[in-house]
Amino acid sequence: MKTPEMLDMAIARHLIEVMLERYTSDDAFQTNVAVQDRKVVHKSLESSRLLMGVAHQLMAQTESLTPRDSAERLKTLLEEIKTAARTAYQAGLLLTGRD
């Protein structure tokens, strides 16, 4: 059974996905925003998407995991967090013109 928090998380993740899809397909938006800024928006949304995935996994019930599965889950989550952090950092570099 999903908790209200899990439903909120699913809605937030869906909205980020919608924004990423709309962002890449909306020609009007793309023509009104500088190329550099579009890259920053995309990187920022992508980082958010990755972190929302991590938060969703952390909120999921995992009592039945074996110690080995729990360790593997932790390793996977850490890799996702690192990827999100790198993506956010790239957005910052693009924003400051240091890409």
PDB file of N, CA and C in Angstrom:
ATOM      1  N   MET A   1       0.835  -1.186   0.000  1.00  0.00           N
ATOM      2  CA  MET A   1       0.000   0.000   0.000  1.00  0.00           C
ATOM      3  C   MET A   1       0.879   1.248   0.000  1.00  0.00           C
ATOM      4  N   LYS A   2       0.498   2.191  -0.806  1.00  0.00           N
ATOM      5  CA  LYS A   2       1.287   3.410  -0.913  1.00  0.00           C
ATOM      6  C   LYS A   2       0.854   4.418   0.147  1.00  0.00           C
ATOM      7  N   THR A   3       1.842   5.033   0.763  1.00  0.00           N
ATOM      8  CA  THR A   3       1.577   6.087   1.731  1.00  0.00           C
ATOM      9  C   THR A   3       1.348   7.396   0.983  1.00  0.00           C
ATOM     10  N   PRO A   4       0.771   8.392   1.649  1.00  0.00           N
ATOM     11  CA  PRO A   4       0.619   9.695   0.982  1.00  0.00           C
ATOM     12  C   PRO A   4       1.959  10.268   0.509  1.00  0.00           C
ATOM     13  N   GLU A   5       3.002  10.023   1.287  1.00  0.00           N
ATOM     14  CA  GLU A   5       4.328  10.519   0.889  1.00  0.00           C
ATOM     15  C   GLU A   5       4.810   9.849  -0.399  1.00  0.00           C
ATOM     16  N   MET A   6       4.562   8.547  -0.498  1.00  0.00           N
ATOM     17  CA  MET A   6       4.967   7.824  -1.712  1.00  0.00           C
ATOM     18  C   MET A   6       4.184   8.326  -2.923  1.00  0.00           C
ATOM     19  N   LEU A   7       2.908   8.625  -2.722  1.00  0.00           N
ATOM     20  CA  LEU A   7       2.105   9.171  -3.822  1.00  0.00           C
ATOM     21  C   LEU A   7       2.611  10.552  -4.213  1.00  0.00           C
ATOM     22  N   ASP A   8       2.937  11.368  -3.221  1.00  0.00           N
ATOM     23  CA  ASP A   8       3.506  12.689  -3.517  1.00  0.00           C
ATOM     24  C   ASP A   8       4.811  12.552  -4.296  1.00  0.00           C
ATOM     25  N   MET A   9       5.627  11.598  -3.895  1.00  0.00           N
ATOM     26  CA  MET A   9       6.901  11.356  -4.569  1.00  0.00           C
ATOM     27  C   MET A   9       6.665  10.933  -6.022  1.00  0.00           C
ATOM     28  N   ALA A  10       5.702  10.058  -6.238  1.00  0.00           N
ATOM     29  CA  ALA A  10       5.391   9.609  -7.593  1.00  0.00           C
ATOM     30  C   ALA A  10       4.911  10.775  -8.450  1.00  0.00           C
ATOM     31  N   ILE A  11       4.098  11.641  -7.887  1.00  0.00           N
ATOM     32  CA  ILE A  11       3.617  12.812  -8.621  1.00  0.00           C
ATOM     33  C   ILE A  11       4.778  13.732  -8.965  1.00  0.00           C
ATOM     34  N   ALA A  12       5.648  13.993  -8.000  1.00  0.00           N
ATOM     35  CA  ALA A  12       6.796  14.866  -8.244  1.00  0.00           C
ATOM     36  C   ALA A  12       7.705  14.294  -9.325  1.00  0.00           C
ATOM     37  N   ARG A  13       7.970  12.991  -9.250  1.00  0.00           N
ATOM     38  CA  ARG A  13       8.817  12.354 -10.267  1.00  0.00           C
ATOM     39  C   ARG A  13       8.167  12.461 -11.642  1.00  0.00           C
ATOM     40  N   HIS A  14       6.864  12.262 -11.695  1.00  0.00           N
ATOM     41  CA  HIS A  14       6.148  12.360 -12.969  1.00  0.00           C
ATOM     42  C   HIS A  14       6.246  13.781 -13.531  1.00  0.00           C
ATOM     43  N   LEU A  15       6.079  14.777 -12.675  1.00  0.00           N
ATOM     44  CA  LEU A  15       6.160  16.159 -13.145  1.00  0.00           C
ATOM     45  C   LEU A  15       7.546  16.503 -13.685  1.00  0.00           C
ATOM     46  N   ILE A  16       8.571  15.991 -13.047  1.00  0.00           N
ATOM     47  CA  ILE A  16       9.930  16.214 -13.565  1.00  0.00           C
ATOM     48  C   ILE A  16      10.077  15.572 -14.936  1.00  0.00           C
ATOM     49  N   GLU A  17       9.556  14.354 -15.088  1.00  0.00           N
ATOM     50  CA  GLU A  17       9.607  13.675 -16.393  1.00  0.00           C
ATOM     51  C   GLU A  17       8.851  14.476 -17.451  1.00  0.00           C
ATOM     52  N   VAL A  18       7.688  15.006 -17.087  1.00  0.00           N
ATOM     53  CA  VAL A  18       6.897  15.822 -18.017  1.00  0.00           C
ATOM     54  C   VAL A  18       7.680  17.065 -18.411  1.00  0.00           C
ATOM     55  N   MET A  19       8.311  17.714 -17.431  1.00  0.00           N
ATOM     56  CA  MET A  19       9.093  18.912 -17.730  1.00  0.00           C
ATOM     57  C   MET A  19      10.258  18.592 -18.655  1.00  0.00           C
ATOM     58  N   LEU A  20      10.937  17.477 -18.404  1.00  0.00           N
ATOM     59  CA  LEU A  20      12.045  17.095 -19.282  1.00  0.00           C
ATOM     60  C   LEU A  20      11.548  16.826 -20.699  1.00  0.00           C
ATOM     61  N   GLU A  21      10.423  16.133 -20.817  1.00  0.00           N
ATOM     62  CA  GLU A  21       9.871  15.831 -22.143  1.00  0.00           C
ATOM     63  C   GLU A  21       9.423  17.106 -22.849  1.00  0.00           C
ATOM     64  N   ARG A  22       8.705  17.950 -22.133  1.00  0.00           N
ATOM     65  CA  ARG A  22       8.221  19.194 -22.724  1.00  0.00           C
ATOM     66  C   ARG A  22       9.385  20.098 -23.099  1.00  0.00           C
ATOM     67  N   TYR A  23      10.370  20.132 -22.235  1.00  0.00           N
ATOM     68  CA  TYR A  23      11.543  20.967 -22.485  1.00  0.00           C
ATOM     69  C   TYR A  23      12.243  20.561 -23.775  1.00  0.00           C
ATOM     70  N   THR A  24      12.366  19.267 -24.015  1.00  0.00           N
ATOM     71  CA  THR A  24      13.093  18.824 -25.204  1.00  0.00           C
ATOM     72  C   THR A  24      12.237  18.880 -26.460  1.00  0.00           C
ATOM     73  N   SER A  25      10.905  19.004 -26.315  1.00  0.00           N
ATOM     74  CA  SER A  25      10.061  18.989 -27.509  1.00  0.00           C
ATOM     75  C   SER A  25       9.380  20.329 -27.786  1.00  0.00           C
ATOM     76  N   ASP A  26       9.447  21.276 -26.886  1.00  0.00           N
ATOM     77  CA  ASP A  26       8.752  22.541 -27.048  1.00  0.00           C
ATOM     78  C   ASP A  26       9.631  23.542 -27.790  1.00  0.00           C
ATOM     79  N   ASP A  27       9.396  23.660 -29.089  1.00  0.00           N
ATOM     80  CA  ASP A  27      10.206  24.560 -29.910  1.00  0.00           C
ATOM     81  C   ASP A  27      10.096  26.014 -29.470  1.00  0.00           C
ATOM     82  N   ALA A  28       8.913  26.422 -29.015  1.00  0.00           N
ATOM     83  CA  ALA A  28       8.737  27.807 -28.581  1.00  0.00           C
ATOM     84  C   ALA A  28       9.639  28.101 -27.390  1.00  0.00           C
ATOM     85  N   PHE A  29       9.678  27.193 -26.433  1.00  0.00           N
ATOM     86  CA  PHE A  29      10.543  27.383 -25.268  1.00  0.00           C
ATOM     87  C   PHE A  29      11.996  27.440 -25.698  1.00  0.00           C
ATOM     88  N   GLN A  30      12.380  26.534 -26.574  1.00  0.00           N
ATOM     89  CA  GLN A  30      13.783  26.448 -26.968  1.00  0.00           C
ATOM     90  C   GLN A  30      14.237  27.678 -27.742  1.00  0.00           C
ATOM     91  N   THR A  31      13.356  28.295 -28.502  1.00  0.00           N
ATOM     92  CA  THR A  31      13.767  29.480 -29.256  1.00  0.00           C
ATOM     93  C   THR A  31      13.823  30.719 -28.373  1.00  0.00           C
ATOM     94  N   ASN A  32      13.120  30.705 -27.226  1.00  0.00           N
ATOM     95  CA  ASN A  32      13.099  31.868 -26.337  1.00  0.00           C
ATOM     96  C   ASN A  32      14.193  31.832 -25.284  1.00  0.00           C
ATOM     97  N   VAL A  33      14.936  30.771 -25.212  1.00  0.00           N
ATOM     98  CA  VAL A  33      15.953  30.615 -24.180  1.00  0.00           C
ATOM     99  C   VAL A  33      17.297  30.361 -24.852  1.00  0.00           C
ATOM    100  N   ALA A  34      18.327  31.024 -24.348  1.00  0.00           N
ATOM    101  CA  ALA A  34      19.669  30.864 -24.908  1.00  0.00           C
ATOM    102  C   ALA A  34      20.115  29.405 -24.803  1.00  0.00           C
ATOM    103  N   VAL A  35      20.936  28.990 -25.743  1.00  0.00           N
ATOM    104  CA  VAL A  35      21.415  27.610 -25.787  1.00  0.00           C
ATOM    105  C   VAL A  35      22.064  27.206 -24.469  1.00  0.00           C
ATOM    106  N   GLN A  36      22.912  28.065 -23.942  1.00  0.00           N
ATOM    107  CA  GLN A  36      23.598  27.766 -22.682  1.00  0.00           C
ATOM    108  C   GLN A  36      22.586  27.551 -21.548  1.00  0.00           C
ATOM    109  N   ASP A  37      21.581  28.404 -21.492  1.00  0.00           N
ATOM    110  CA  ASP A  37      20.560  28.281 -20.453  1.00  0.00           C
ATOM    111  C   ASP A  37      19.738  27.007 -20.626  1.00  0.00           C
ATOM    112  N   ARG A  38      19.471  26.626 -21.855  1.00  0.00           N
ATOM    113  CA  ARG A  38      18.732  25.372 -22.098  1.00  0.00           C
ATOM    114  C   ARG A  38      19.517  24.189 -21.567  1.00  0.00           C
ATOM    115  N   LYS A  39      20.828  24.207 -21.746  1.00  0.00           N
ATOM    116  CA  LYS A  39      21.665  23.127 -21.234  1.00  0.00           C
ATOM    117  C   LYS A  39      21.614  23.077 -19.709  1.00  0.00           C
ATOM    118  N   VAL A  40      21.634  24.251 -19.087  1.00  0.00           N
ATOM    119  CA  VAL A  40      21.567  24.322 -17.618  1.00  0.00           C
ATOM    120  C   VAL A  40      20.230  23.787 -17.131  1.00  0.00           C
ATOM    121  N   VAL A  41      19.149  24.175 -17.781  1.00  0.00           N
ATOM    122  CA  VAL A  41      17.823  23.681 -17.406  1.00  0.00           C
ATOM    123  C   VAL A  41      17.779  22.159 -17.515  1.00  0.00           C
ATOM    124  N   HIS A  42      18.266  21.633 -18.623  1.00  0.00           N
ATOM    125  CA  HIS A  42      18.235  20.187 -18.827  1.00  0.00           C
ATOM    126  C   HIS A  42      19.050  19.457 -17.760  1.00  0.00           C
ATOM    127  N   LYS A  43      20.259  19.934 -17.497  1.00  0.00           N
ATOM    128  CA  LYS A  43      21.112  19.296 -16.476  1.00  0.00           C
ATOM    129  C   LYS A  43      20.453  19.374 -15.103  1.00  0.00           C
ATOM    130  N   SER A  44      19.847  20.505 -14.783  1.00  0.00           N
ATOM    131  CA  SER A  44      19.198  20.677 -13.485  1.00  0.00           C
ATOM    132  C   SER A  44      18.013  19.730 -13.328  1.00  0.00           C
ATOM    133  N   LEU A  45      17.193  19.626 -14.353  1.00  0.00           N
ATOM    134  CA  LEU A  45      16.058  18.713 -14.301  1.00  0.00           C
ATOM    135  C   LEU A  45      16.517  17.257 -14.228  1.00  0.00           C
ATOM    136  N   GLU A  46      17.548  16.943 -14.956  1.00  0.00           N
ATOM    137  CA  GLU A  46      18.071  15.573 -14.935  1.00  0.00           C
ATOM    138  C   GLU A  46      18.605  15.220 -13.543  1.00  0.00           C
ATOM    139  N   SER A  47      19.312  16.146 -12.923  1.00  0.00           N
ATOM    140  CA  SER A  47      19.802  15.920 -11.574  1.00  0.00           C
ATOM    141  C   SER A  47      18.638  15.728 -10.606  1.00  0.00           C
ATOM    142  N   SER A  48      17.625  16.547 -10.747  1.00  0.00           N
ATOM    143  CA  SER A  48      16.432  16.419  -9.899  1.00  0.00           C
ATOM    144  C   SER A  48      15.763  15.070 -10.086  1.00  0.00           C
ATOM    145  N   ARG A  49      15.661  14.631 -11.326  1.00  0.00           N
ATOM    146  CA  ARG A  49      15.046  13.335 -11.619  1.00  0.00           C
ATOM    147  C   ARG A  49      15.811  12.216 -10.927  1.00  0.00           C
ATOM    148  N   LEU A  50      17.120  12.265 -11.003  1.00  0.00           N
ATOM    149  CA  LEU A  50      17.940  11.231 -10.372  1.00  0.00           C
ATOM    150  C   LEU A  50      17.779  11.239  -8.854  1.00  0.00           C
ATOM    151  N   LEU A  51      17.790  12.418  -8.256  1.00  0.00           N
ATOM    152  CA  LEU A  51      17.646  12.504  -6.801  1.00  0.00           C
ATOM    153  C   LEU A  51      16.252  12.086  -6.338  1.00  0.00           C
ATOM    154  N   MET A  52      15.239  12.387  -7.115  1.00  0.00           N
ATOM    155  CA  MET A  52      13.887  11.931  -6.766  1.00  0.00           C
ATOM    156  C   MET A  52      13.818  10.412  -6.804  1.00  0.00           C
ATOM    157  N   GLY A  53      14.529   9.803  -7.731  1.00  0.00           N
ATOM    158  CA  GLY A  53      14.583   8.346  -7.780  1.00  0.00           C
ATOM    159  C   GLY A  53      15.236   7.773  -6.535  1.00  0.00           C
ATOM    160  N   VAL A  54      16.296   8.409  -6.080  1.00  0.00           N
ATOM    161  CA  VAL A  54      16.971   7.971  -4.853  1.00  0.00           C
ATOM    162  C   VAL A  54      16.027   8.110  -3.668  1.00  0.00           C
ATOM    163  N   ALA A  55      15.385   9.256  -3.560  1.00  0.00           N
ATOM    164  CA  ALA A  55      14.464   9.484  -2.443  1.00  0.00           C
ATOM    165  C   ALA A  55      13.335   8.458  -2.466  1.00  0.00           C
ATOM    166  N   HIS A  56      12.834   8.162  -3.635  1.00  0.00           N
ATOM    167  CA  HIS A  56      11.768   7.162  -3.764  1.00  0.00           C
ATOM    168  C   HIS A  56      12.242   5.801  -3.270  1.00  0.00           C
ATOM    169  N   GLN A  57      13.434   5.411  -3.656  1.00  0.00           N
ATOM    170  CA  GLN A  57      13.978   4.122  -3.210  1.00  0.00           C
ATOM    171  C   GLN A  57      14.199   4.098  -1.703  1.00  0.00           C
ATOM    172  N   LEU A  58      14.632   5.212  -1.147  1.00  0.00           N
ATOM    173  CA  LEU A  58      14.847   5.272   0.293  1.00  0.00           C
ATOM    174  C   LEU A  58      13.545   5.192   1.073  1.00  0.00           C
ATOM    175  N   MET A  59      12.480   5.690   0.494  1.00  0.00           N
ATOM    176  CA  MET A  59      11.180   5.661   1.158  1.00  0.00           C
ATOM    177  C   MET A  59      10.479   4.309   1.020  1.00  0.00           C
ATOM    178  N   ALA A  60      10.936   3.502   0.081  1.00  0.00           N
ATOM    179  CA  ALA A  60      10.311   2.190  -0.140  1.00  0.00           C
ATOM    180  C   ALA A  60      10.651   1.261   1.020  1.00  0.00           C
ATOM    181  N   GLN A  61       9.735   0.392   1.329  1.00  0.00           N
ATOM    182  CA  GLN A  61       9.966  -0.570   2.404  1.00  0.00           C
ATOM    183  C   GLN A  61      11.002  -1.591   1.963  1.00  0.00           C
ATOM    184  N   THR A  62      11.978  -1.826   2.836  1.00  0.00           N
ATOM    185  CA  THR A  62      13.069  -2.749   2.489  1.00  0.00           C
ATOM    186  C   THR A  62      13.386  -3.703   3.632  1.00  0.00           C
ATOM    187  N   GLU A  63      12.425  -3.938   4.523  1.00  0.00           N
ATOM    188  CA  GLU A  63      12.684  -4.801   5.670  1.00  0.00           C
ATOM    189  C   GLU A  63      13.082  -6.216   5.269  1.00  0.00           C
ATOM    190  N   SER A  64      12.595  -6.671   4.145  1.00  0.00           N
ATOM    191  CA  SER A  64      12.838  -8.060   3.755  1.00  0.00           C
ATOM    192  C   SER A  64      14.151  -8.270   2.995  1.00  0.00           C
ATOM    193  N   LEU A  65      14.951  -7.238   2.856  1.00  0.00           N
ATOM    194  CA  LEU A  65      16.214  -7.387   2.134  1.00  0.00           C
ATOM    195  C   LEU A  65      17.230  -8.148   2.981  1.00  0.00           C
ATOM    196  N   THR A  66      17.976  -8.997   2.315  1.00  0.00           N
ATOM    197  CA  THR A  66      19.082  -9.673   2.992  1.00  0.00           C
ATOM    198  C   THR A  66      20.201  -8.654   3.203  1.00  0.00           C
ATOM    199  N   PRO A  67      21.123  -8.934   4.096  1.00  0.00           N
ATOM    200  CA  PRO A  67      22.247  -8.004   4.280  1.00  0.00           C
ATOM    201  C   PRO A  67      23.001  -7.760   2.968  1.00  0.00           C
ATOM    202  N   ARG A  68      23.152  -8.794   2.180  1.00  0.00           N
ATOM    203  CA  ARG A  68      23.848  -8.640   0.901  1.00  0.00           C
ATOM    204  C   ARG A  68      23.058  -7.740  -0.047  1.00  0.00           C
ATOM    205  N   ASP A  69      21.732  -7.963  -0.137  1.00  0.00           N
ATOM    206  CA  ASP A  69      20.889  -7.126  -0.989  1.00  0.00           C
ATOM    207  C   ASP A  69      20.852  -5.686  -0.487  1.00  0.00           C
ATOM    208  N   SER A  70      20.853  -5.528   0.823  1.00  0.00           N
ATOM    209  CA  SER A  70      20.861  -4.191   1.409  1.00  0.00           C
ATOM    210  C   SER A  70      22.148  -3.450   1.053  1.00  0.00           C
ATOM    211  N   ALA A  71      23.272  -4.148   1.116  1.00  0.00           N
ATOM    212  CA  ALA A  71      24.558  -3.543   0.749  1.00  0.00           C
ATOM    213  C   ALA A  71      24.585  -3.175  -0.726  1.00  0.00           C
ATOM    214  N   GLU A  72      24.023  -4.026  -1.564  1.00  0.00           N
ATOM    215  CA  GLU A  72      23.976  -3.750  -3.000  1.00  0.00           C
ATOM    216  C   GLU A  72      23.066  -2.551  -3.285  1.00  0.00           C
ATOM    217  N   ARG A  73      21.955  -2.480  -2.577  1.00  0.00           N
ATOM    218  CA  ARG A  73      21.039  -1.353  -2.726  1.00  0.00           C
ATOM    219  C   ARG A  73      21.740  -0.059  -2.341  1.00  0.00           C
ATOM    220  N   LEU A  74      22.452  -0.081  -1.236  1.00  0.00           N
ATOM    221  CA  LEU A  74      23.184   1.097  -0.782  1.00  0.00           C
ATOM    222  C   LEU A  74      24.211   1.535  -1.826  1.00  0.00           C
ATOM    223  N   LYS A  75      24.933   0.587  -2.375  1.00  0.00           N
ATOM    224  CA  LYS A  75      25.940   0.888  -3.405  1.00  0.00           C
ATOM    225  C   LYS A  75      25.278   1.535  -4.618  1.00  0.00           C
ATOM    226  N   THR A  76      24.153   0.998  -5.039  1.00  0.00           N
ATOM    227  CA  THR A  76      23.421   1.540  -6.185  1.00  0.00           C
ATOM    228  C   THR A  76      22.933   2.956  -5.902  1.00  0.00           C
ATOM    229  N   LEU A  77      22.382   3.163  -4.704  1.00  0.00           N
ATOM    230  CA  LEU A  77      21.898   4.496  -4.347  1.00  0.00           C
ATOM    231  C   LEU A  77      23.037   5.511  -4.308  1.00  0.00           C
ATOM    232  N   LEU A  78      24.175   5.116  -3.783  1.00  0.00           N
ATOM    233  CA  LEU A  78      25.321   6.022  -3.751  1.00  0.00           C
ATOM    234  C   LEU A  78      25.781   6.397  -5.156  1.00  0.00           C
ATOM    235  N   GLU A  79      25.768   5.448  -6.061  1.00  0.00           N
ATOM    236  CA  GLU A  79      26.147   5.739  -7.448  1.00  0.00           C
ATOM    237  C   GLU A  79      25.163   6.714  -8.081  1.00  0.00           C
ATOM    238  N   GLU A  80      23.869   6.534  -7.793  1.00  0.00           N
ATOM    239  CA  GLU A  80      22.858   7.455  -8.318  1.00  0.00           C
ATOM    240  C   GLU A  80      23.061   8.865  -7.755  1.00  0.00           C
ATOM    241  N   ILE A  81      23.372   8.953  -6.477  1.00  0.00           N
ATOM    242  CA  ILE A  81      23.620  10.258  -5.856  1.00  0.00           C
ATOM    243  C   ILE A  81      24.850  10.918  -6.475  1.00  0.00           C
ATOM    244  N   LYS A  82      25.894  10.137  -6.700  1.00  0.00           N
ATOM    245  CA  LYS A  82      27.102  10.695  -7.336  1.00  0.00           C
ATOM    246  C   LYS A  82      26.789  11.205  -8.738  1.00  0.00           C
ATOM    247  N   THR A  83      26.018  10.443  -9.488  1.00  0.00           N
ATOM    248  CA  THR A  83      25.654  10.860 -10.838  1.00  0.00           C
ATOM    249  C   THR A  83      24.838  12.144 -10.802  1.00  0.00           C
ATOM    250  N   ALA A  84      23.887  12.217  -9.865  1.00  0.00           N
ATOM    251  CA  ALA A  84      23.076  13.433  -9.731  1.00  0.00           C
ATOM    252  C   ALA A  84      23.946  14.624  -9.349  1.00  0.00           C
ATOM    253  N   ALA A  85      24.885  14.409  -8.448  1.00  0.00           N
ATOM    254  CA  ALA A  85      25.773  15.496  -8.017  1.00  0.00           C
ATOM    255  C   ALA A  85      26.643  15.974  -9.173  1.00  0.00           C
ATOM    256  N   ARG A  86      27.165  15.044  -9.942  1.00  0.00           N
ATOM    257  CA  ARG A  86      27.986  15.426 -11.104  1.00  0.00           C
ATOM    258  C   ARG A  86      27.159  16.217 -12.113  1.00  0.00           C
ATOM    259  N   THR A  87      25.928  15.779 -12.318  1.00  0.00           N
ATOM    260  CA  THR A  87      25.049  16.461 -13.267  1.00  0.00           C
ATOM    261  C   THR A  87      24.735  17.873 -12.784  1.00  0.00           C
ATOM    262  N   ALA A  88      24.453  18.026 -11.502  1.00  0.00           N
ATOM    263  CA  ALA A  88      24.192  19.358 -10.936  1.00  0.00           C
ATOM    264  C   ALA A  88      25.446  20.234 -11.035  1.00  0.00           C
ATOM    265  N   TYR A  89      26.603  19.646 -10.785  1.00  0.00           N
ATOM    266  CA  TYR A  89      27.860  20.386 -10.891  1.00  0.00           C
ATOM    267  C   TYR A  89      28.088  20.858 -12.330  1.00  0.00           C
ATOM    268  N   GLN A  90      27.783  19.987 -13.290  1.00  0.00           N
ATOM    269  CA  GLN A  90      27.908  20.371 -14.698  1.00  0.00           C
ATOM    270  C   GLN A  90      26.977  21.545 -15.015  1.00  0.00           C
ATOM    271  N   ALA A  91      25.779  21.526 -14.433  1.00  0.00           N
ATOM    272  CA  ALA A  91      24.842  22.643 -14.637  1.00  0.00           C
ATOM    273  C   ALA A  91      25.461  23.935 -14.098  1.00  0.00           C
ATOM    274  N   GLY A  92      26.086  23.851 -12.946  1.00  0.00           N
ATOM    275  CA  GLY A  92      26.738  25.027 -12.372  1.00  0.00           C
ATOM    276  C   GLY A  92      27.877  25.539 -13.236  1.00  0.00           C
ATOM    277  N   LEU A  93      28.673  24.621 -13.769  1.00  0.00           N
ATOM    278  CA  LEU A  93      29.754  25.034 -14.668  1.00  0.00           C
ATOM    279  C   LEU A  93      29.212  25.697 -15.922  1.00  0.00           C
ATOM    280  N   LEU A  94      28.149  25.127 -16.478  1.00  0.00           N
ATOM    281  CA  LEU A  94      27.538  25.727 -17.663  1.00  0.00           C
ATOM    282  C   LEU A  94      26.995  27.121 -17.347  1.00  0.00           C
ATOM    283  N   LEU A  95      26.399  27.256 -16.186  1.00  0.00           N
ATOM    284  CA  LEU A  95      25.814  28.522 -15.786  1.00  0.00           C
ATOM    285  C   LEU A  95      26.867  29.615 -15.666  1.00  0.00           C
ATOM    286  N   THR A  96      28.050  29.237 -15.198  1.00  0.00           N
ATOM    287  CA  THR A  96      29.120  30.220 -15.033  1.00  0.00           C
ATOM    288  C   THR A  96      30.019  30.314 -16.272  1.00  0.00           C
ATOM    289  N   GLY A  97      29.705  29.539 -17.307  1.00  0.00           N
ATOM    290  CA  GLY A  97      30.490  29.586 -18.533  1.00  0.00           C
ATOM    291  C   GLY A  97      31.808  28.853 -18.447  1.00  0.00           C
ATOM    292  N   ARG A  98      31.912  27.909 -17.530  1.00  0.00           N
ATOM    293  CA  ARG A  98      33.155  27.153 -17.355  1.00  0.00           C
ATOM    294  C   ARG A  98      33.025  25.706 -17.808  1.00  0.00           C
ATOM    295  N   ASP A  99      32.187  25.462 -18.756  1.00  0.00           N
ATOM    296  CA  ASP A  99      31.984  24.082 -19.214  1.00  0.00           C
ATOM    297  C   ASP A  99      33.178  23.655 -20.014  1.00  0.00           C
TER     298      ASP A  99
END
